[in-house]
Structure formats: structure tokens, C-alpha cells
Amino acid sequence: AGGGWSWRLRYLEMDATEYLIKVLSRFRIDDFPKLLKSWDFLSASQLQEVNFKEYTRKDLILEIAALCEGNGVTLNQVADLDIIYNCTYPQKKRWNSYQMFKSKGGEEATLFDFGDFKKTFERNLKMLIRNVMVNVLEHGEAVWIRIAWGKHHSPPNQQRAAYAVYYPQTPYVFMANIVAQYRVYLSQALVVATDHNMLKELDLQGHCLDSLRDITLKRFNPALSTHHRKSFQQINTNQESVQDQRITIENLREKEDAKRLTCATFGEGSLPKLEEVHYRLQTVFKDEHNMGILSDRRKPFRCMAKFSSPNILESLRALPALGIADVPISTMFSSIPEKGKNYFKITDKRTPGPNTPGP
């Protein structure tokens, strides 16, 4: 029986060369020299022997796979190449944002050692779940973690690997392709390796990893900061005091006003890139003038409003100039980067009842 299970595991496990071909198949033709050099598995002389311009894409993949197979490539090494590819194209995944927390009194900064982090993370994860393959690489200012999960009688599934990107010296980590049943293991291994106590999911998702990082770390346009923002009432008052009464071109004045208010809201620099904003409404119908069937309904209405664009914040900033939206833009939209979320839940404000304790 034991021999049968051993044969079955070998049969199900993907061959390293087979998986390498799948990874290389995602490459653009211009990616091969750069990414293979970053991988540093093939020698410089081997890379020089490959004529990247003469081969068809299919033949180039087979030629590189044959060279790597001759060098004895392993699944672990191919997984490193998969990380390098995803570092280059992080926008191909949808990332969820998380924040880690320490207990009170444990907020002092500690130096980050990549070797210690990698060892501690892998050890703790494999204590929780044994059948996994873990790869950890440093890339720029981030640590990239790739985890292929296996089940009791099957090897780690390389094609459904989960990703986590952790920024040292910060409490933020971003995950992709992580299913609920494994998230608890990854979370626990992360908080232990980073000397935190708990991890919480944020209402912030998207494909642009750099923008999610900038929003959580408050690296976005300074004009969006509360410290720099004037109240819109004050801006309007100042404008009215300096308006030249001789201006007769009303449309031009309105456009200038709209531009000033828009700049006060969003600034003039580039904005973080988010593709979607969701508003989940759970509110009771209110109409003081028409007291009908809907007004007697006590249960809240539930619906979802979704706004999407290749860059939702840039689109919102452009609306006033196009005459599509009034200024100032509602804070429900303008405060997205400041609040660090693009998933909102809108409910009725609760008023304390006779048996409800006060704040």
C-alpha cells in the first residue's frame, strides 16, 4: 500500500521542466533576456548561446527548457522564476490589503533581517501545515512570498500558488490567490515572523500593488492629506471676495472655480491607481412628504453600487472639467486615499435608545 501511495504522489507531482514551460509561456518575447538574467540559473555563456531574435516564441521556450533541464532544474528553482515574473507584472493579480498589529507596549522598531525572517516564517508555516512548498525572495523594498499548498495525499499545487508581499518595517502585507482555508496558516506564520500579534484585512483591493502600498503608507499626493486640505467653505468664501465683477463670461469663471476646487481636493500630481470603488448600502427608506408602504418598512434596503474605471481617482478628478459632476466632489469619493479603502458600507446612524448605553 505504501509503495502504491508513493507511486501515486510521483505521478501527480508536476515535473520541473513541464512547469518551467508553463511559466515561460507567460513571458512576452522581450521578457526572456531580462527575466532569465534576474533568475541567474543559466550561466552567462549559456544565455549568450541563445539567439532570442531568431527563434519563434515556441522554439525559444523549448530551447530554454532544454538548457535548464540539462542543468538539473528543480521545481523550487522554477518557483523562484515564477516570483520574478510576478514581481515584473504584479498587476496581473488582484491584491488584498492587510495590516498587522502589536500588543500595547510592543511598538518599538526592530531591525529587519531577511535571513531570520525567512527561516522563522518557513519553520512556523510548516509547523502548521506540512505539505507546502515555500519560496521567499527579496525584491526592491519588499519581501515576496510564494506558497504552493498541498493536500494530504497530493503534492503542492504549483499552478494555484498563493502570494504575499510584505514591506519590512511596516505593518502592511498584500496577498493574492489565497483561499480562506489557508489564510489562517499564512497569517499566523506572518505575525510570528514579524513579531506582531494579529492580522486584519483592510477594505482595500486592487491590481496595482504600488498604489495599494502608497495608500496604506500615505505616500500619495500631499494635497490629499487632511493637514493640507482647506475646508471647501473657506475656499468658496475666498474666491467670492476676489471675484472681478466685470467678468461677464460666466462659463469661464465656473470652469476656473471648478479647477481650483478640484485641485484643492485631489491635488495636481499623479494619484494612486484603483480600478473599482464599492458602496454597500444598508439603509431604511426615508421620505417625510410621502408616507407610504416603503416608509413603514423597518428593515433596511440592501444594494451595492460599484464604480469602475482603469483609474477611478483620475476619472473622478476629470469629471468637473467635463461638466459631468458638480464641485466640490463628494467626500465619499475624494476621501478614498485618505481613508485607505475602496470598499465602503453605508448604514443608518444609530441613535441611542432608552436601553442603549451612551458612548
Protein backbone atom coordinates (compact mmCIF):
# COMPACT_ATOMS: atom_id res chain seq x y z
CA ALA A 1 0.00 0.00 0.00
CA GLY A 2 2.82 2.37 0.92
CA GLY A 3 4.52 1.76 -2.43
CA GLY A 4 1.22 2.45 -4.21
CA TRP A 5 0.81 5.81 -2.49
CA SER A 6 4.44 6.69 -3.27
CA TRP A 7 3.87 5.91 -6.96
CA ARG A 8 0.67 8.00 -6.96
CA LEU A 9 2.44 11.02 -5.45
CA ARG A 10 5.22 10.81 -8.04
CA TYR A 11 2.62 10.53 -10.78
CA LEU A 12 0.63 13.55 -9.65
CA GLU A 13 3.59 15.82 -9.00
CA MET A 14 4.34 18.15 -11.88
CA ASP A 15 7.73 17.70 -13.50
CA ALA A 16 10.07 20.71 -13.11
CA THR A 17 10.62 21.06 -16.85
CA GLU A 18 6.90 20.81 -17.53
CA TYR A 19 6.16 23.57 -15.06
CA LEU A 20 9.06 25.66 -16.40
CA ILE A 21 7.47 25.57 -19.86
CA LYS A 22 4.19 26.79 -18.34
CA VAL A 23 5.97 29.69 -16.61
CA LEU A 24 7.96 30.63 -19.75
CA SER A 25 4.74 30.56 -21.79
CA ARG A 26 3.57 33.65 -19.89
CA PHE A 27 6.65 35.65 -20.94
CA ARG A 28 6.49 38.27 -23.64
CA ILE A 29 9.16 37.85 -26.27
CA ASP A 30 11.10 40.85 -24.89
CA ASP A 31 10.96 39.46 -21.33
CA PHE A 32 13.23 36.47 -21.84
CA PRO A 33 16.71 38.07 -21.67
CA LYS A 34 15.89 40.32 -18.70
CA LEU A 35 13.97 37.81 -16.56
CA LEU A 36 16.34 34.92 -17.23
CA LYS A 37 19.28 37.12 -16.24
CA SER A 38 17.48 38.07 -13.00
CA TRP A 39 16.80 34.40 -12.33
CA ASP A 40 20.57 33.68 -12.55
CA PHE A 41 20.09 29.96 -13.18
CA LEU A 42 21.63 29.78 -16.64
CA SER A 43 25.23 30.89 -16.97
CA ALA A 44 26.17 33.99 -18.95
CA SER A 45 27.72 31.84 -21.68
CA GLN A 46 24.53 29.74 -21.96
CA LEU A 47 22.43 32.89 -22.30
CA GLN A 48 24.78 34.18 -25.00
CA GLU A 49 24.29 30.98 -26.97
CA VAL A 50 20.55 31.58 -27.17
CA ASN A 51 19.59 33.74 -30.12
CA PHE A 52 16.47 35.41 -28.75
CA LYS A 53 15.68 37.16 -32.05
CA GLU A 54 15.87 34.23 -34.47
CA TYR A 55 13.74 31.68 -32.65
CA THR A 56 9.97 31.61 -32.79
CA ARG A 57 8.41 32.02 -29.37
CA LYS A 58 7.56 28.32 -29.12
CA ASP A 59 11.04 27.18 -30.18
CA LEU A 60 12.64 29.68 -27.81
CA ILE A 61 10.68 28.25 -24.87
CA LEU A 62 11.69 24.69 -25.78
CA GLU A 63 15.34 25.67 -26.23
CA ILE A 64 15.48 27.39 -22.81
CA ALA A 65 13.65 24.47 -21.18
CA ALA A 66 16.18 22.02 -22.65
CA LEU A 67 19.10 24.09 -21.34
CA CYS A 68 17.55 24.29 -17.87
CA GLU A 69 16.78 20.56 -17.85
CA GLY A 70 20.42 19.89 -18.73
CA ASN A 71 21.42 22.00 -15.71
CA GLY A 72 19.17 19.87 -13.46
CA VAL A 73 16.48 22.47 -12.78
CA THR A 74 14.19 21.78 -9.82
CA LEU A 75 10.63 22.80 -9.00
CA ASN A 76 11.96 25.05 -6.27
CA GLN A 77 14.11 26.95 -8.77
CA VAL A 78 11.24 27.27 -11.24
CA ALA A 79 9.11 28.69 -8.41
CA ASP A 80 11.76 31.40 -7.95
CA LEU A 81 11.39 32.29 -11.64
CA ASP A 82 7.63 32.46 -11.14
CA ILE A 83 8.20 35.01 -8.36
CA ILE A 84 10.47 37.08 -10.62
CA TYR A 85 7.79 37.10 -13.31
CA ASN A 86 5.12 38.25 -10.84
CA CYS A 87 7.45 40.92 -9.45
CA THR A 88 7.63 42.28 -13.01
CA TYR A 89 3.87 42.01 -13.63
CA PRO A 90 2.13 42.33 -10.25
CA GLN A 91 -0.89 43.92 -11.96
CA LYS A 92 -1.88 40.50 -13.32
CA LYS A 93 -3.07 39.56 -9.82
CA ARG A 94 -5.76 41.04 -7.61
CA TRP A 95 -4.29 42.05 -4.26
CA ASN A 96 -5.98 42.27 -0.87
CA SER A 97 -4.50 44.55 1.78
CA TYR A 98 -3.82 43.56 5.39
CA GLN A 99 -2.48 45.33 8.46
CA MET A 100 -0.67 43.67 11.36
CA PHE A 101 -0.87 44.87 14.94
CA LYS A 102 1.32 44.58 18.02
CA SER A 103 0.24 44.49 21.62
CA LYS A 104 0.45 47.67 23.68
CA GLY A 105 3.99 48.42 24.70
CA GLY A 106 5.42 46.46 21.78
CA GLU A 107 5.56 49.27 19.25
CA GLU A 108 9.32 49.80 19.34
CA ALA A 109 11.02 49.43 15.95
CA THR A 110 13.27 46.42 15.36
CA LEU A 111 15.88 45.89 12.66
CA PHE A 112 14.78 43.59 9.87
CA ASP A 113 16.98 40.64 8.97
CA PHE A 114 15.88 38.86 5.80
CA GLY A 115 17.59 35.58 6.70
CA ASP A 116 15.96 35.42 10.13
CA PHE A 117 12.57 36.33 8.70
CA LYS A 118 12.74 33.65 6.01
CA LYS A 119 13.83 30.94 8.43
CA THR A 120 11.22 31.85 11.07
CA PHE A 121 8.40 32.15 8.53
CA GLU A 122 9.09 28.81 6.84
CA ARG A 123 9.55 27.00 10.16
CA ASN A 124 6.29 28.32 11.61
CA LEU A 125 4.26 27.70 8.47
CA LYS A 126 5.47 24.11 8.18
CA MET A 127 4.64 23.52 11.84
CA LEU A 128 1.03 24.46 11.00
CA ILE A 129 0.76 22.65 7.66
CA ARG A 130 3.44 20.27 6.46
CA ASN A 131 2.63 19.69 2.81
CA VAL A 132 3.65 23.09 1.37
CA MET A 133 6.44 24.48 -0.78
CA VAL A 134 7.64 27.93 0.29
CA ASN A 135 9.80 30.35 -1.68
CA VAL A 136 10.87 33.73 -0.29
CA LEU A 137 12.77 36.37 -2.27
CA GLU A 138 13.74 40.00 -1.70
CA HIS A 139 12.75 42.37 -4.48
CA GLY A 140 13.31 46.12 -4.08
CA GLU A 141 11.92 47.23 -0.73
CA ALA A 142 9.58 44.24 -0.40
CA VAL A 143 9.76 40.58 0.53
CA TRP A 144 7.88 38.30 -1.87
CA ILE A 145 6.48 35.03 -0.56
CA ARG A 146 5.15 32.26 -2.79
CA ILE A 147 3.35 29.27 -1.27
CA ALA A 148 2.17 26.19 -3.14
CA TRP A 149 -0.32 24.28 -0.98
CA GLY A 150 -0.63 20.51 -0.97
CA LYS A 151 -3.32 18.24 0.42
CA HIS A 152 -2.94 15.10 2.49
CA HIS A 153 -2.31 12.75 -0.44
CA SER A 154 -1.29 15.18 -3.17
CA PRO A 155 1.78 17.35 -3.71
CA PRO A 156 1.74 21.16 -3.62
CA ASN A 157 -0.26 22.63 -6.50
CA GLN A 158 2.20 24.87 -8.34
CA GLN A 159 -0.40 26.42 -10.62
CA ARG A 160 -2.52 27.75 -7.74
CA ALA A 161 0.24 29.20 -5.61
CA ALA A 162 -0.62 31.99 -3.16
CA TYR A 163 1.39 35.19 -2.93
CA ALA A 164 2.15 37.55 -0.08
CA VAL A 165 4.18 40.76 -0.39
CA TYR A 166 5.47 42.16 2.89
CA TYR A 167 7.12 45.56 3.33
CA PRO A 168 9.63 45.33 6.21
CA GLN A 169 9.50 47.96 8.95
CA THR A 170 5.79 48.45 8.19
CA PRO A 171 2.71 46.58 9.42
CA TYR A 172 1.37 46.05 5.88
CA VAL A 173 1.21 42.94 3.73
CA PHE A 174 -0.65 42.25 0.49
CA MET A 175 -1.95 38.84 -0.58
CA ALA A 176 -3.20 37.30 -3.81
CA ASN A 177 -4.70 33.92 -4.71
CA ILE A 178 -5.15 32.99 -1.06
CA VAL A 179 -8.19 30.85 -0.21
CA ALA A 180 -9.88 31.12 3.18
CA GLN A 181 -8.84 27.68 4.44
CA TYR A 182 -5.12 28.50 4.10
CA ARG A 183 -5.23 32.19 5.02
CA VAL A 184 -5.22 31.43 8.75
CA TYR A 185 -1.94 29.49 8.40
CA LEU A 186 -0.28 32.20 6.34
CA SER A 187 -1.49 34.91 8.73
CA GLN A 188 -0.20 33.13 11.80
CA ALA A 189 3.20 32.45 10.26
CA LEU A 190 3.48 36.11 9.20
CA VAL A 191 2.61 37.66 12.55
CA VAL A 192 5.10 35.39 14.34
CA ALA A 193 7.90 36.08 11.83
CA THR A 194 7.33 39.85 12.03
CA ASP A 195 6.84 39.98 15.80
CA HIS A 196 3.18 41.04 15.67
CA ASN A 197 0.12 39.67 17.43
CA MET A 198 -2.71 39.78 14.91
CA LEU A 199 -3.53 40.50 11.28
CA LYS A 200 -6.62 42.29 9.98
CA GLU A 201 -7.93 42.55 6.42
CA LEU A 202 -8.45 46.10 5.15
CA ASP A 203 -11.26 47.26 2.84
CA LEU A 204 -8.72 47.95 0.10
CA GLN A 205 -8.24 45.84 -3.02
CA GLY A 206 -6.86 46.32 -6.50
CA HIS A 207 -4.44 45.20 -9.20
CA CYS A 208 -1.85 47.98 -8.83
CA LEU A 209 0.34 46.82 -5.95
CA ASP A 210 2.39 50.04 -5.86
CA SER A 211 -0.77 52.12 -5.43
CA LEU A 212 -2.07 49.93 -2.61
CA ARG A 213 1.32 50.32 -0.92
CA ASP A 214 1.29 54.11 -1.41
CA ILE A 215 -2.23 54.41 0.00
CA THR A 216 -1.52 52.35 3.12
CA LEU A 217 1.82 54.10 3.72
CA LYS A 218 0.34 57.56 2.95
CA ARG A 219 2.76 58.17 0.10
CA PHE A 220 0.13 59.68 -2.18
CA ASN A 221 -0.22 63.32 -3.30
CA PRO A 222 0.26 65.63 -0.26
CA ALA A 223 -2.75 67.71 -1.37
CA LEU A 224 -4.93 64.79 -0.29
CA SER A 225 -3.75 64.97 3.28
CA THR A 226 -6.12 66.37 5.89
CA HIS A 227 -3.30 68.56 7.17
CA HIS A 228 -3.03 70.39 3.83
CA ARG A 229 -6.72 70.48 2.88
CA LYS A 230 -8.74 73.66 3.40
CA SER A 231 -12.43 73.47 4.02
CA PHE A 232 -14.41 73.94 0.84
CA GLN A 233 -16.50 76.63 2.52
CA GLN A 234 -13.35 78.65 3.17
CA ILE A 235 -12.19 78.22 -0.43
CA ASN A 236 -15.53 79.41 -1.80
CA THR A 237 -15.55 82.45 0.51
CA ASN A 238 -12.06 83.48 -0.56
CA GLN A 239 -12.96 83.13 -4.21
CA GLU A 240 -16.08 85.26 -3.88
CA SER A 241 -14.10 88.05 -2.22
CA VAL A 242 -11.69 88.33 -5.13
CA GLN A 243 -14.13 87.79 -7.97
CA ASP A 244 -13.85 90.54 -10.54
CA GLN A 245 -17.42 91.76 -11.00
CA ARG A 246 -16.56 92.84 -14.52
CA ILE A 247 -16.19 89.23 -15.69
CA THR A 248 -19.09 88.52 -18.00
CA ILE A 249 -18.12 85.10 -19.28
CA GLU A 250 -19.92 83.03 -16.64
CA ASN A 251 -18.94 79.69 -18.11
CA LEU A 252 -15.22 80.54 -17.98
CA ARG A 253 -15.49 81.61 -14.34
CA GLU A 254 -17.30 78.40 -13.43
CA LYS A 255 -14.59 76.34 -15.12
CA GLU A 256 -11.86 78.18 -13.23
CA ASP A 257 -13.72 77.69 -9.95
CA ALA A 258 -14.19 74.02 -10.70
CA LYS A 259 -10.48 73.64 -11.47
CA ARG A 260 -9.43 75.33 -8.22
CA LEU A 261 -11.80 73.22 -6.12
CA THR A 262 -10.73 70.04 -7.89
CA CYS A 263 -7.05 70.82 -7.27
CA ALA A 264 -7.83 71.52 -3.62
CA THR A 265 -9.46 68.10 -3.41
CA PHE A 266 -7.18 65.86 -5.46
CA GLY A 267 -4.03 67.92 -5.98
CA GLU A 268 -2.23 68.23 -9.32
CA GLY A 269 0.14 65.27 -9.15
CA SER A 270 -0.42 61.65 -10.05
CA LEU A 271 -2.98 59.72 -8.00
CA PRO A 272 -2.91 56.13 -6.72
CA LYS A 273 -4.39 53.71 -9.23
CA LEU A 274 -7.57 51.92 -8.15
CA GLU A 275 -9.88 50.19 -10.62
CA GLU A 276 -13.03 49.93 -8.50
CA VAL A 277 -14.93 51.51 -5.62
CA HIS A 278 -17.79 49.62 -3.94
CA TYR A 279 -20.51 51.07 -1.73
CA ARG A 280 -22.68 48.56 0.09
CA LEU A 281 -25.87 50.26 1.26
CA GLN A 282 -27.97 49.08 4.19
CA THR A 283 -30.34 51.97 4.86
CA VAL A 284 -34.00 52.42 5.73
CA PHE A 285 -36.21 54.26 3.23
CA LYS A 286 -36.89 57.85 4.34
CA ASP A 287 -39.45 60.25 2.85
CA GLU A 288 -41.03 62.86 5.10
CA HIS A 289 -43.53 64.02 2.44
CA ASN A 290 -44.90 60.71 1.11
CA MET A 291 -45.67 58.37 3.98
CA GLY A 292 -46.50 55.13 2.19
CA ILE A 293 -45.76 51.44 2.23
CA LEU A 294 -41.99 51.93 1.89
CA SER A 295 -41.92 54.41 4.77
CA ASP A 296 -43.41 51.76 7.07
CA ARG A 297 -40.73 49.26 6.18
CA ARG A 298 -38.37 48.83 9.14
CA LYS A 299 -35.88 46.51 7.51
CA PRO A 300 -33.09 48.29 5.63
CA PHE A 301 -32.75 48.09 1.87
CA ARG A 302 -29.59 46.32 0.73
CA CYS A 303 -27.83 47.05 -2.52
CA MET A 304 -24.37 47.51 -3.95
CA ALA A 305 -23.17 50.46 -6.02
CA LYS A 306 -19.98 49.81 -7.97
CA PHE A 307 -17.88 52.40 -9.84
CA SER A 308 -15.14 51.13 -12.12
CA SER A 309 -12.52 52.69 -14.37
CA PRO A 310 -8.91 51.98 -15.38
CA ASN A 311 -8.05 54.67 -12.79
CA ILE A 312 -11.08 55.63 -10.73
CA LEU A 313 -9.43 58.55 -8.89
CA GLU A 314 -8.12 60.15 -12.09
CA SER A 315 -11.59 59.72 -13.61
CA LEU A 316 -13.23 61.42 -10.62
CA ARG A 317 -10.78 64.30 -10.86
CA ALA A 318 -11.68 64.79 -14.53
CA LEU A 319 -15.47 64.88 -14.04
CA PRO A 320 -15.89 68.57 -13.02
CA ALA A 321 -13.85 69.81 -16.01
CA LEU A 322 -16.08 67.76 -18.30
CA GLY A 323 -19.19 69.25 -16.72
CA ILE A 324 -20.40 65.82 -15.57
CA ALA A 325 -20.13 66.45 -11.82
CA ASP A 326 -20.54 69.46 -9.54
CA VAL A 327 -17.80 70.71 -7.24
CA PRO A 328 -16.78 70.04 -4.66
CA ILE A 329 -16.70 66.29 -5.32
CA SER A 330 -18.44 64.39 -2.54
CA THR A 331 -16.14 63.30 0.27
CA MET A 332 -17.47 59.78 -0.29
CA PHE A 333 -15.16 59.80 -3.33
CA SER A 334 -12.49 62.38 -2.52
CA SER A 335 -11.55 60.74 0.80
CA ILE A 336 -10.82 57.28 -0.69
CA PRO A 337 -6.99 57.54 -0.47
CA GLU A 338 -7.12 59.32 2.88
CA LYS A 339 -9.33 56.61 4.42
CA GLY A 340 -7.27 53.89 2.76
CA LYS A 341 -10.22 51.89 1.46
CA ASN A 342 -12.27 51.35 -1.67
CA TYR A 343 -14.95 49.14 -0.11
CA PHE A 344 -17.49 51.08 1.95
CA LYS A 345 -20.53 50.08 3.97
CA ILE A 346 -23.18 52.78 4.37
CA THR A 347 -25.72 52.30 7.16
CA ASP A 348 -28.16 54.50 9.07
CA LYS A 349 -26.71 56.38 12.02
CA ARG A 350 -27.85 54.69 15.18
CA THR A 351 -29.40 56.84 17.88
CA PRO A 352 -29.08 55.57 21.46
CA GLY A 353 -32.33 54.09 22.74
CA PRO A 354 -33.55 54.01 26.36
CA ASN A 355 -31.66 50.77 26.99
CA THR A 356 -28.65 51.63 24.89
CA PRO A 357 -25.56 52.74 26.79
CA GLY A 358 -24.03 56.01 25.70
CA PRO A 359 -20.55 56.34 24.21
